[in-house]
Every structure is written in structure tokens, then in C-alpha cells.
Amino acid sequence: MSKKWTKRFCLGAAFMAAAAMLCTGCGGEQKKDGGSASSGKKIVMARANDSSNLDPMMAVHNDDLWMMNLMVEGLVKSDDAGKTIQPCLAEKWDISADGLTYTFHLKKGVKFSDGKDVTTDDWIYSLKRIRDTKDGAWGFTMENMADVTAPDANTLVITLKKPSSAFLSDLSLFANAVMPKAYCEQKGPEGIAQNPVGTGPFMLKQWDKGQKMVFVKNPNYHEKDKPITDEIDINVVPDDNTRIMQLQGKQIDIASDIPFNRISELKGASGVKMELVPSTESDYISFNYKNPKFADVRVRQALAYALDRQAIIDAVFFGNAKINNTFISPAAPHFNANVTPRDYNQEKAKQLLAEAGASNLSIDFLVYSGNTRDIQVVTMLKEQWSKIGVNVNIQQVDSSVFKQSRNALKYDMLLSMLTSDITDTSELVELICVAKMSDSQHTGWNGTLQQQAESLVKKAAVSTDENERKTLYGQAMQLVQDDQLIIPLYNVPYAIAISDQIKGFVQTPLGNYRFENLTK
């Protein structure tokens, strides 16, 4: 979901400051014997940003979402490849012939990390909380649930309003995990946001805001001999160079958010494994569809034709991204590989602008201040579009201003990205094509093509024929392209550098960290 803006900072060659941090042990507390804090049964990971809200129902940013599966679990889960659904806290399930009743047979003896038994009352409370909380971020995944009941202590029955091929995939979402009813009612939303209690392999022991999170082994975990590691520290280290130097200096074991200009270097570094994890991240440019500047589709199409995406990939990502012609990743099960591309063609762009009578076009382009990668992309975009007579004013704003402007549709253009949270295509296609989903994901899309696309995805949502669903979703993707609602850019991997002493690191294409088998 495009909610997820992960700011990447690169503050230049601040090597003296970074070296000073290394000398003083910043980011890794030194043991009395002088060894690294990440020795033995503790593993230390550094990332660019801290989390802000750990309530599964309210969390919307990757820095929050990717922590969830360490702490909470649902009836089912995605596999490590992010492709299929597997049992989790339900050992098996039955689906009625009409597709409206799901009967889940629960795993016995499961406890929360605080030692209390998981009951069907907890399940009913958790799923209804997600569905019925009006300001929750993920209620749409359960809005099709008519009711949830428990005929006995080991069985959960969910009835749907209408059949849904995506329902099991929706249930795998972290938001639909079980949490203790008594704890949640006692702590309230603020308390849950700071310290959720679940059945996952780890539990949150300490959170020093802006500095680090400390996760320790859940002593009540339902999988025997898991997790392997006693403690995982997630440090916040905004500077790219510092994270890398800490990894090379063995202060940390894992560094995420590696800048693409350092990948080649780290691939050849001693003691380091450089991994490009396949992801569902797809980046694109959002138009404010309601802005009069872009009322003529030919203007939007001209800007797409005038964009040299491969040049951006080569310069900013050092070749470590792939051109994408739609708004979802090629890894999505219903990806339409035949969406009509608009490849780089300056003459075609000039022709379309002339036909639209759009001379001296000036665009304010909103970008996160401090986000080096996005600023580089927009700087190149500004130079490319100047060649067709379009002026771009780069407006760098902080995250709060960015989100307010985007949500209120008070912008011209901005960079966006989507990453999927479930194995099904429905989540992202509905975000873009269904008008009530945050104004079609903060674009303000309306009109005949939007209505056609919304009708298609709603039909796909209730179809049980996967070939039909692929056709319907593919048609909706083509309508988005026909109306040039966005300019698709590229699919980007997750760049992670890991000590060669670490084994069992798993980040799924959906972004989830799976650390049950993480060891050193």
C-alpha cells in the first residue's frame, strides 16, 4: 500500500563523524569483555527510520508494518515467497460450496507472549475490531465479513456477505492478527500502538524512540525451538555511510536501506553479503487528476512520453531497478504484462502538448526534503521535461506537509509508490481504481474510465475464476494507462547488507521480516 513512504537519507561523506561513532560504540553497546554487542544470542540490525505506531489496525508505513510479523500472527500467513497462503494459527479450514462460510480449526494450546491462553473471544474481538473501527487503516480487508462465531473452543466460523477469492489472502494481513481482548480494552489505542501483545516469535521489550527497538524471544511461542535468537535489536541510524561502516566494523549484523550507489562496492566487501531482495515495490508519478493543468489527457500522456525512465534507473539506481508499465509489481499474480507502454519519445511529447495547446506549462513537484533518492529522480525529471518546454519547480517539504498536501489534493505532481501487503492483487488495484479508497490513492481520479475500472475490479473481487480475475484486473490496469492517471516508473528491490556470519535472514517480497530462524 502506498501509505508506505520510507525516507532514505544520504548525508554525504560524513566519514569523520561516522568514524567517531565507531570508536565510541554508537549503535552497539560494548560488552564488558570488549566484544561486540551483537555477539552470542543477540543480533543487531540498523535501519534508516524508526517506527511510529505498532497498532496493527492503525499502522500504515513500512517502518511499522515490517515489524508486525515479529509480534503478531493470524489464522493464515503468506509463504516466504509472498505467493501462496499457508496455515498459521489455524491448522486447516473448510469453505462452503457457496463460498460464504469459512470454518477454521484452530491450533490448540496457543498462548500470547504474556502467557495467557488465546481464546475464541480474543479472535472474535480482534476481527470485529478491525472491521468496525471507523478510522482504522485496514477495515476494508474485513468489510466483507458478515459475522464471526465460535461453535466451540477450537473452531472459528467466518461468514461473508459475498464470495471472495481474496479473503484468505486478506486474512494473512498483519492487521487481522489475534490480540488479547482484555489487554486491548485496558490499554486502548495509544497503549496498543506503543506495545502490542501477540503470539509471534518475539515480543517488544524496549523502545527508545528515535534510537532503537529491542525484541526478545517469546517464551510462550507455539513453535518448538523457535525462535533461535534470544534478542534482536533494531537500531535507528539515519546516515547511510554510518550504517555501512557499523556493519563493516562488526557493530551491527544487518544494515537495511542500502543506497544503490554502494551496492557494487558491498558485493565485493569482505565479511559482507549484499542481497537484493525481490520486492513488490512499484514507483510511479501521481498527477492531481482534479488540477486544471492536467485536464487534457494529452498533457498527461506527453509528460509520460518525455520521461526517460531507463536513464533514471541507470543514474539513480545504478541499474538495480526495472522499468514497469503499470502500478503494480510484475510479481503480482494478476499482473498485466501487455499494458500499452509509453516509451521515451520527445517528438511525440511535443506533438501532444501542441495539440492540447499547453504551452509554457509550469509544474510544482512535491518531494520529501532529505530524501536524496527522490530528489535525484525529480531533478532528472526536471531536466528531461525542460526539453519539451515544461518547467518543473521542485518543492521540498517535510513529511507532515507532504502528507497533508497529498491527502487534501493540494498538489500538482508527486512521487508515489505501492508495495503489496498480501498475496492477492486486489489490495493495490482497488486502492487505485475504487474512488472511495482515499480518492483513488490520493489522485482524485473520476470520470467514465474510472467508473469502468471500478466496475471491473469489483467484479473481479467476487469472481472465483482466476483466469477471469486476471482478465478483469488486466483491463482495469489498461484503463489506468489509457487515462494516464499516473506515470509508471520502475520496480525496485530491497537492498540489504548482512554479515556473512548471519544465517536465516528472510524478508519476503511483501516486506515482512521472518526472523524465527535468524541466527549467527
Foldseek 3Di string as FASTA:
>chain_A
DQLADDFAFAPDCPPVVLVVCLVVLAQWDADPVRDANCPDQEAEEEEAAAADFQQLQADRYLNNQQCLQQFFFFQWAAPLQQADIGGDQFNDWDADPQQFKIKTFGDPPFDKLVGHDDWVVQLQVQLVCSCPDPPTPLNVLNVQWPGWDDPDGGMIMTGGVFHFPCNSQSRNFSSSTGFDPVVCVVQDRVNCGVFTMHQHQWGWDDDDHQFKTKIAGRPRHPDPCWQVGGIYIYTHDNHQVSSVVCCVSVNHFKYWPHFLVCQVVQVPDPQKHKDFAAAWKWKWKFFQCPDPLCVDLLLLLLLLQLDAQVVLCCPRNVVQWFFDAFATGPQAPLDQPPQDHNYHDNVSSLVSCVVVVPAQAEFEEEDAPSRVSQVSRVVVSQVSVVVSRYHYHYDHDHPVVVVVCLLVSNHGMYMTMDGDRGNHPLVLLCLQQPCVNSRNVSNVDDDDLSVQLNVLSVVLRNDPDVVSNSVSSNVSRNSCVVSSSIRTRIRHTIIMMGGPVWPDWGQHNSGHTDSGHIDD
